[in-house]
Amino acid sequence: LDEFQIAPGQLVPNAWRMIISCMSIWLYACDGVMITLNEFLYLYRLKALTHYGYFELLPWDRKFRVVRGFPFSFHD
């Protein structure tokens, strides 16, 4: 988050789920090696929401999403 200069509370809940899920999948698939920021950003991009300065993570290409099936997590 420091790289993007945003606070942890500015990420929508699903963004946190996405980060933790990718970390878990990567650890399992790569024999305990943690995903790097560059690897994560190859899969997902940070997008500002129009709601109150929040941010979400979107896949660069929807058909290559690593984690699927999260319900919409931002409610006013």
Protein backbone atom coordinates (compact mmCIF):
# COMPACT_ATOMS: atom_id res chain seq x y z
CA LEU A 1 0.00 0.00 0.00
CA ASP A 2 2.94 2.25 0.60
CA GLU A 3 3.79 1.94 -3.09
CA PHE A 4 0.42 3.49 -3.98
CA GLN A 5 0.35 5.93 -1.05
CA ILE A 6 -3.02 4.77 0.25
CA ALA A 7 -4.15 3.77 3.73
CA PRO A 8 -5.27 0.21 4.55
CA GLY A 9 -8.80 1.44 5.23
CA GLN A 10 -9.12 2.77 1.70
CA LEU A 11 -9.28 -0.73 0.19
CA VAL A 12 -12.74 -2.28 -0.14
CA PRO A 13 -13.09 -5.56 1.81
CA ASN A 14 -12.89 -7.70 -1.32
CA ALA A 15 -9.51 -6.16 -2.16
CA TRP A 16 -8.16 -7.52 1.12
CA ARG A 17 -9.69 -10.91 0.37
CA MET A 18 -8.07 -10.83 -3.06
CA ILE A 19 -4.62 -10.02 -1.64
CA ILE A 20 -4.79 -12.75 1.03
CA SER A 21 -6.16 -15.31 -1.45
CA CYS A 22 -3.41 -14.59 -3.99
CA MET A 23 -0.77 -14.81 -1.28
CA SER A 24 -2.13 -18.19 -0.12
CA ILE A 25 -2.42 -19.60 -3.62
CA TRP A 26 1.09 -18.40 -4.53
CA LEU A 27 2.63 -19.88 -1.37
CA TYR A 28 1.05 -23.24 -2.10
CA ALA A 29 1.84 -23.25 -5.84
CA CYS A 30 5.43 -21.98 -5.49
CA ASP A 31 6.65 -24.10 -2.56
CA GLY A 32 6.54 -21.38 0.07
CA VAL A 33 7.82 -18.48 -2.04
CA MET A 34 5.78 -15.31 -1.45
CA ILE A 35 4.23 -13.40 -4.35
CA THR A 36 6.03 -10.15 -5.16
CA LEU A 37 4.40 -6.80 -5.82
CA ASN A 38 5.35 -6.98 -9.51
CA GLU A 39 3.82 -10.45 -9.86
CA PHE A 40 0.62 -9.32 -8.15
CA LEU A 41 0.40 -6.20 -10.32
CA TYR A 42 0.81 -8.37 -13.40
CA LEU A 43 -2.50 -9.99 -12.42
CA TYR A 44 -4.42 -7.09 -10.84
CA ARG A 45 -4.58 -3.31 -11.00
CA LEU A 46 -5.71 -0.76 -8.45
CA LYS A 47 -8.74 1.30 -9.46
CA ALA A 48 -10.20 4.27 -7.60
CA LEU A 49 -13.91 4.05 -6.80
CA THR A 50 -16.11 7.10 -7.03
CA HIS A 51 -17.24 6.46 -3.43
CA TYR A 52 -15.40 8.41 -0.74
CA GLY A 53 -11.81 7.73 -1.85
CA TYR A 54 -11.93 3.92 -1.76
CA PHE A 55 -9.98 1.62 -4.07
CA GLU A 56 -10.62 -1.83 -5.53
CA LEU A 57 -8.50 -4.43 -7.30
CA LEU A 58 -9.50 -5.45 -10.80
CA PRO A 59 -7.95 -8.09 -13.02
CA TRP A 60 -6.28 -6.79 -16.15
CA ASP A 61 -8.24 -9.40 -18.09
CA ARG A 62 -11.44 -10.77 -16.53
CA LYS A 63 -11.02 -14.22 -18.05
CA PHE A 64 -7.68 -14.66 -16.22
CA ARG A 65 -8.89 -13.87 -12.68
CA VAL A 66 -7.02 -15.89 -10.06
CA VAL A 67 -9.78 -15.67 -7.45
CA ARG A 68 -13.47 -15.68 -8.38
CA GLY A 69 -16.88 -15.51 -6.79
CA PHE A 70 -16.65 -12.67 -4.29
CA PRO A 71 -19.94 -10.82 -3.72
CA PHE A 72 -19.92 -7.03 -4.06
CA SER A 73 -18.45 -5.78 -0.78
CA PHE A 74 -18.93 -2.02 -0.84
CA HIS A 75 -22.19 -0.75 0.58
CA ASP A 76 -22.99 2.83 1.52
